[in-house]
Amino acid sequence: MPVMDECFLSAFPNLRVLFYGAGSIKGFVTEAFWQRGITVTSAYAANAVPVAEFAFAQIILSLKGMWKAARRMKQDRVHAREEVLGAYDTTVGLISLGMIGRLVAERLKSLHVHVMAYDPFCSQAEASKLGVELCSLEELFAKAEVVSCHAPWLKETEGMLHKAHFARMKQGATFINTARGAVVNEADLIEVLSARPDLFVLLDVTWPEPPVPDSPLYDLPNVALTPHIAGSIGNECRRMGQYMIDEADRLLVGSPLLYAINREQSLRMA
């Protein structure tokens, strides 16, 4: 998608609505776009579905110790199971209760787990509806068996997760990042993981992406890397197209658009 600056927009004087069949609009929407009063609607809600599904699945697998067990069986050919808590009566921490975080929270209701969340924009009433306890980042990292990050990449969130947070994690805890790599201070994360082999980290996103060739993330035994597959891939991409087709149908019959994004919302979105 080209950057929609004044020069580009001048070629489309009658443009009133833009339907974007993907997620983030930050790569192309400019101040000139907003000044022209153009409506933009995005399939971010469709893309949130597979991310939430992936995160939910990884939370369960983390509570079962799957990644550690699979690696141990492959490397050591040992069938013995390590001491793990399992997916019952445990604590899961969610960083951010945006579209994806909320979908994960809803799915976690099917488990017997306590859900804590950090989100400065979420009200107590909203959290209660989701069955989530709001807390500080420090408390979340200290109490959760699994921490799942869904924070957007904003200037304010760059490197927001650092050494002090990871060092507070419980014995045997897992950190999952399906958001953006830049919200993690990776040097700090690597330092803590090197000193704490009991911890485990699943990174579907890094910064840069992929990690540089000599990054310790490739070699640390308590790190699993996946190539940014939590978002829409394969047939899941068709969902995003369908969301925009449905959105266009609403426009044609005069119904409100469900996924329109205004300037203020765009400042808080990934």
Protein backbone atom coordinates (compact mmCIF):
# COMPACT_ATOMS: atom_id res chain seq x y z
CA MET A 1 0.00 0.00 0.00
CA PRO A 2 1.54 3.37 -1.03
CA VAL A 3 1.95 6.18 1.48
CA MET A 4 -1.09 8.41 1.14
CA ASP A 5 0.55 11.81 1.31
CA GLU A 6 -0.73 14.99 -0.36
CA CYS A 7 1.03 14.19 -3.64
CA PHE A 8 -0.54 10.72 -3.86
CA LEU A 9 -3.99 11.84 -2.75
CA SER A 10 -4.12 14.59 -5.36
CA ALA A 11 -4.55 11.87 -7.97
CA PHE A 12 -7.72 10.68 -6.22
CA PRO A 13 -9.76 13.84 -5.53
CA ASN A 14 -13.01 11.86 -5.11
CA LEU A 15 -11.68 9.30 -2.66
CA ARG A 16 -14.04 9.12 0.32
CA VAL A 17 -13.67 5.62 1.79
CA LEU A 18 -10.75 3.21 1.82
CA PHE A 19 -11.26 -0.50 2.57
CA TYR A 20 -8.00 -2.11 3.71
CA GLY A 21 -8.03 -5.91 3.66
CA ALA A 22 -5.26 -6.26 6.24
CA GLY A 23 -4.44 -5.00 9.74
CA SER A 24 -2.37 -1.94 10.64
CA ILE A 25 -2.95 1.27 8.68
CA LYS A 26 0.10 3.06 10.07
CA GLY A 27 2.25 2.32 7.06
CA PHE A 28 0.22 4.42 4.64
CA VAL A 29 -2.16 6.79 6.45
CA THR A 30 -0.75 10.31 6.84
CA GLU A 31 -1.90 13.61 8.30
CA ALA A 32 -2.93 14.66 4.78
CA PHE A 33 -5.22 11.61 4.69
CA TRP A 34 -6.97 12.65 7.90
CA GLN A 35 -7.17 16.28 6.81
CA ARG A 36 -9.14 15.25 3.74
CA GLY A 37 -11.75 13.54 5.93
CA ILE A 38 -11.36 10.17 4.23
CA THR A 39 -12.87 7.21 6.07
CA VAL A 40 -10.62 4.16 6.46
CA THR A 41 -11.82 0.77 7.54
CA SER A 42 -9.49 -2.15 8.16
CA ALA A 43 -9.67 -5.90 8.58
CA TYR A 44 -7.74 -5.63 11.87
CA ALA A 45 -10.57 -7.42 13.67
CA ALA A 46 -10.31 -10.34 11.24
CA ASN A 47 -6.55 -10.55 11.68
CA ALA A 48 -7.01 -10.51 15.45
CA VAL A 49 -8.83 -13.86 15.35
CA PRO A 50 -5.91 -16.14 14.33
CA VAL A 51 -3.52 -14.24 16.62
CA ALA A 52 -5.84 -14.85 19.57
CA GLU A 53 -6.23 -18.50 18.57
CA PHE A 54 -2.46 -18.93 18.34
CA ALA A 55 -1.84 -17.20 21.68
CA PHE A 56 -4.57 -19.23 23.40
CA ALA A 57 -3.13 -22.46 22.05
CA GLN A 58 0.40 -21.51 23.13
CA ILE A 59 -0.79 -20.58 26.62
CA ILE A 60 -2.23 -24.07 27.07
CA LEU A 61 0.86 -25.72 25.61
CA SER A 62 3.08 -23.60 27.86
CA LEU A 63 1.14 -24.57 30.96
CA LYS A 64 1.61 -28.20 29.89
CA GLY A 65 5.34 -27.65 29.32
CA MET A 66 5.05 -28.86 25.72
CA TRP A 67 7.94 -26.92 24.17
CA LYS A 68 10.38 -28.00 26.86
CA ALA A 69 9.23 -31.62 26.75
CA ALA A 70 9.42 -31.82 22.94
CA ARG A 71 12.93 -30.38 22.89
CA ARG A 72 14.11 -32.70 25.66
CA MET A 73 12.74 -35.81 23.96
CA LYS A 74 14.35 -34.86 20.65
CA GLN A 75 17.74 -33.93 22.09
CA ASP A 76 18.10 -36.33 25.02
CA ARG A 77 15.64 -39.06 24.00
CA VAL A 78 14.30 -38.99 27.52
CA HIS A 79 10.65 -39.84 28.09
CA ALA A 80 10.51 -38.52 31.67
CA ARG A 81 8.16 -35.60 32.28
CA GLU A 82 9.28 -32.49 34.07
CA GLU A 83 7.29 -31.01 36.92
CA VAL A 84 4.65 -28.74 35.32
CA LEU A 85 1.47 -27.17 36.66
CA GLY A 86 -0.92 -27.93 33.79
CA ALA A 87 -3.84 -25.80 32.65
CA TYR A 88 -5.84 -25.82 35.88
CA ASP A 89 -5.91 -23.36 38.77
CA THR A 90 -3.00 -21.33 37.45
CA THR A 91 -2.46 -17.65 36.63
CA VAL A 92 -2.17 -16.20 33.14
CA GLY A 93 -1.06 -12.62 32.53
CA LEU A 94 -2.11 -10.56 29.50
CA ILE A 95 -0.28 -7.40 28.49
CA SER A 96 -2.85 -5.12 26.80
CA LEU A 97 -6.56 -5.70 26.42
CA GLY A 98 -6.97 -4.41 22.90
CA MET A 99 -8.84 -6.40 20.26
CA ILE A 100 -6.51 -9.40 20.48
CA GLY A 101 -6.05 -9.35 24.24
CA ARG A 102 -9.81 -9.32 24.74
CA LEU A 103 -10.30 -12.25 22.39
CA VAL A 104 -7.66 -14.19 24.34
CA ALA A 105 -9.35 -13.27 27.63
CA GLU A 106 -12.69 -14.54 26.31
CA ARG A 107 -11.11 -17.85 25.27
CA LEU A 108 -9.42 -18.22 28.64
CA LYS A 109 -12.86 -18.29 30.27
CA SER A 110 -13.10 -21.90 29.10
CA LEU A 111 -10.17 -22.79 31.39
CA HIS A 112 -10.04 -22.84 35.16
CA VAL A 113 -7.35 -20.14 35.35
CA HIS A 114 -6.99 -16.76 36.99
CA VAL A 115 -6.39 -14.02 34.42
CA MET A 116 -4.50 -10.84 35.26
CA ALA A 117 -3.94 -8.00 32.81
CA TYR A 118 -2.02 -4.78 32.42
CA ASP A 119 -3.72 -2.11 30.33
CA PRO A 120 -3.76 1.56 31.36
CA PHE A 121 -6.64 2.25 28.95
CA CYS A 122 -9.00 -0.45 30.24
CA SER A 123 -11.57 0.47 32.88
CA GLN A 124 -12.36 -1.68 35.90
CA ALA A 125 -15.87 -2.23 34.52
CA GLU A 126 -14.52 -3.53 31.21
CA ALA A 127 -12.05 -5.79 32.98
CA SER A 128 -14.79 -7.22 35.17
CA LYS A 129 -16.85 -8.13 32.09
CA LEU A 130 -13.85 -10.01 30.75
CA GLY A 131 -13.27 -11.74 34.08
CA VAL A 132 -9.84 -10.16 34.34
CA GLU A 133 -8.00 -8.61 37.29
CA LEU A 134 -6.17 -5.40 36.38
CA CYS A 135 -2.69 -5.03 37.84
CA SER A 136 0.69 -3.43 37.30
CA LEU A 137 3.27 -4.88 34.93
CA GLU A 138 5.49 -5.73 37.89
CA GLU A 139 2.72 -7.67 39.64
CA LEU A 140 1.74 -9.45 36.44
CA PHE A 141 5.26 -10.75 35.77
CA ALA A 142 5.69 -11.78 39.41
CA LYS A 143 2.47 -13.79 39.68
CA ALA A 144 1.70 -15.32 36.28
CA GLU A 145 2.81 -18.77 35.15
CA VAL A 146 2.41 -17.57 31.56
CA VAL A 147 2.67 -13.97 30.34
CA SER A 148 1.25 -13.26 26.87
CA CYS A 149 2.10 -9.92 25.26
CA HIS A 150 -0.41 -8.14 23.00
CA ALA A 151 0.80 -4.56 23.33
CA PRO A 152 0.86 -2.32 20.23
CA TRP A 153 4.12 -0.91 18.94
CA LEU A 154 3.98 2.78 19.78
CA LYS A 155 6.74 5.22 20.61
CA GLU A 156 5.63 4.93 24.23
CA THR A 157 5.82 1.13 24.25
CA GLU A 158 9.25 0.62 22.67
CA GLY A 159 11.36 -1.43 25.05
CA MET A 160 8.66 -1.27 27.74
CA LEU A 161 9.39 -4.86 28.81
CA HIS A 162 12.87 -5.02 30.26
CA LYS A 163 15.19 -6.79 32.66
CA ALA A 164 13.33 -5.89 35.84
CA HIS A 165 10.16 -7.51 34.48
CA PHE A 166 11.70 -10.73 33.19
CA ALA A 167 13.83 -11.17 36.31
CA ARG A 168 10.64 -11.16 38.42
CA MET A 169 9.09 -14.11 36.61
CA LYS A 170 8.14 -17.19 38.61
CA GLN A 171 10.19 -20.35 38.53
CA GLY A 172 9.44 -22.19 35.28
CA ALA A 173 7.27 -19.40 33.86
CA THR A 174 6.80 -18.72 30.14
CA PHE A 175 6.72 -15.44 28.18
CA ILE A 176 4.89 -15.36 24.83
CA ASN A 177 5.12 -12.46 22.36
CA THR A 178 2.76 -12.37 19.38
CA ALA A 179 2.58 -8.57 19.33
CA ARG A 180 5.65 -6.66 18.14
CA GLY A 181 9.29 -7.37 18.91
CA ALA A 182 10.12 -3.73 19.55
CA VAL A 183 8.10 -3.65 22.79
CA VAL A 184 10.73 -5.97 24.32
CA ASN A 185 14.24 -4.95 25.28
CA GLU A 186 15.77 -8.05 23.72
CA ALA A 187 19.24 -7.53 25.22
CA ASP A 188 17.66 -7.57 28.67
CA LEU A 189 15.55 -10.60 27.81
CA ILE A 190 18.59 -12.51 26.56
CA GLU A 191 20.53 -11.63 29.72
CA VAL A 192 17.77 -12.94 31.98
CA LEU A 193 17.22 -16.09 29.92
CA SER A 194 20.93 -16.87 30.03
CA ALA A 195 20.90 -16.61 33.82
CA ARG A 196 17.49 -18.32 34.28
CA PRO A 197 17.33 -21.60 32.33
CA ASP A 198 14.09 -22.39 34.16
CA LEU A 199 12.26 -19.72 32.16
CA PHE A 200 10.94 -20.27 28.66
CA VAL A 201 10.12 -17.79 25.90
CA LEU A 202 8.12 -18.18 22.71
CA LEU A 203 8.74 -15.33 20.27
CA ASP A 204 6.62 -15.13 17.13
CA VAL A 205 7.95 -11.58 16.66
CA THR A 206 11.37 -10.03 17.23
CA TRP A 207 13.14 -6.77 16.48
CA PRO A 208 14.68 -6.79 14.02
CA GLU A 209 12.67 -9.48 12.29
CA PRO A 210 14.13 -12.02 11.84
CA PRO A 211 16.83 -11.68 14.52
CA VAL A 212 20.32 -10.81 13.33
CA PRO A 213 22.33 -13.92 12.26
CA ASP A 214 24.45 -14.04 15.42
CA SER A 215 21.60 -13.40 17.86
CA PRO A 216 21.72 -15.61 21.00
CA LEU A 217 17.98 -16.14 20.51
CA TYR A 218 18.80 -18.84 17.95
CA ASP A 219 20.95 -20.84 20.36
CA LEU A 220 19.41 -20.37 23.79
CA PRO A 221 17.74 -23.67 24.73
CA ASN A 222 14.88 -21.90 26.52
CA VAL A 223 13.75 -19.94 23.46
CA ALA A 224 11.36 -21.04 20.70
CA LEU A 225 11.22 -18.85 17.60
CA THR A 226 8.39 -18.92 15.07
CA PRO A 227 8.38 -16.80 11.87
CA HIS A 228 5.53 -14.34 12.58
CA ILE A 229 2.84 -16.93 11.86
CA ALA A 230 0.30 -15.95 14.52
CA GLY A 231 -1.42 -13.50 12.17
CA SER A 232 -3.44 -14.43 9.11
CA ILE A 233 -1.79 -17.00 6.84
CA GLY A 234 -3.18 -19.32 4.17
CA ASN A 235 -6.96 -19.58 4.19
CA GLU A 236 -7.11 -17.20 7.16
CA CYS A 237 -6.35 -14.33 4.76
CA ARG A 238 -9.72 -14.92 3.13
CA ARG A 239 -11.40 -13.88 6.37
CA MET A 240 -9.85 -10.42 6.06
CA GLY A 241 -11.16 -10.06 2.52
CA GLN A 242 -14.61 -11.18 3.60
CA TYR A 243 -14.67 -8.63 6.43
CA MET A 244 -14.04 -5.84 3.93
CA ILE A 245 -16.64 -7.17 1.49
CA ASP A 246 -19.17 -7.16 4.33
CA GLU A 247 -18.05 -3.67 5.28
CA ALA A 248 -18.58 -2.43 1.70
CA ASP A 249 -22.05 -3.97 1.72
CA ARG A 250 -22.86 -1.98 4.85
CA LEU A 251 -21.76 1.21 3.19
CA LEU A 252 -23.91 0.53 0.12
CA VAL A 253 -27.08 0.05 2.19
CA GLY A 254 -26.35 2.96 4.53
CA SER A 255 -25.52 0.90 7.62
CA PRO A 256 -22.75 2.00 10.04
CA LEU A 257 -19.29 0.64 9.31
CA LEU A 258 -18.12 -1.77 12.03
CA TYR A 259 -14.37 -1.37 11.61
CA ALA A 260 -13.85 2.27 10.70
CA ILE A 261 -10.78 3.80 12.37
CA ASN A 262 -10.53 7.45 13.32
CA ARG A 263 -7.38 9.46 13.86
CA GLU A 264 -7.49 9.16 17.66
CA GLN A 265 -7.90 5.38 17.53
CA SER A 266 -5.05 5.05 15.05
CA LEU A 267 -2.63 6.61 17.55
CA ARG A 268 -3.18 3.71 19.98
CA MET A 269 -3.26 0.88 17.46
CA ALA A 270 -0.39 -1.26 16.25
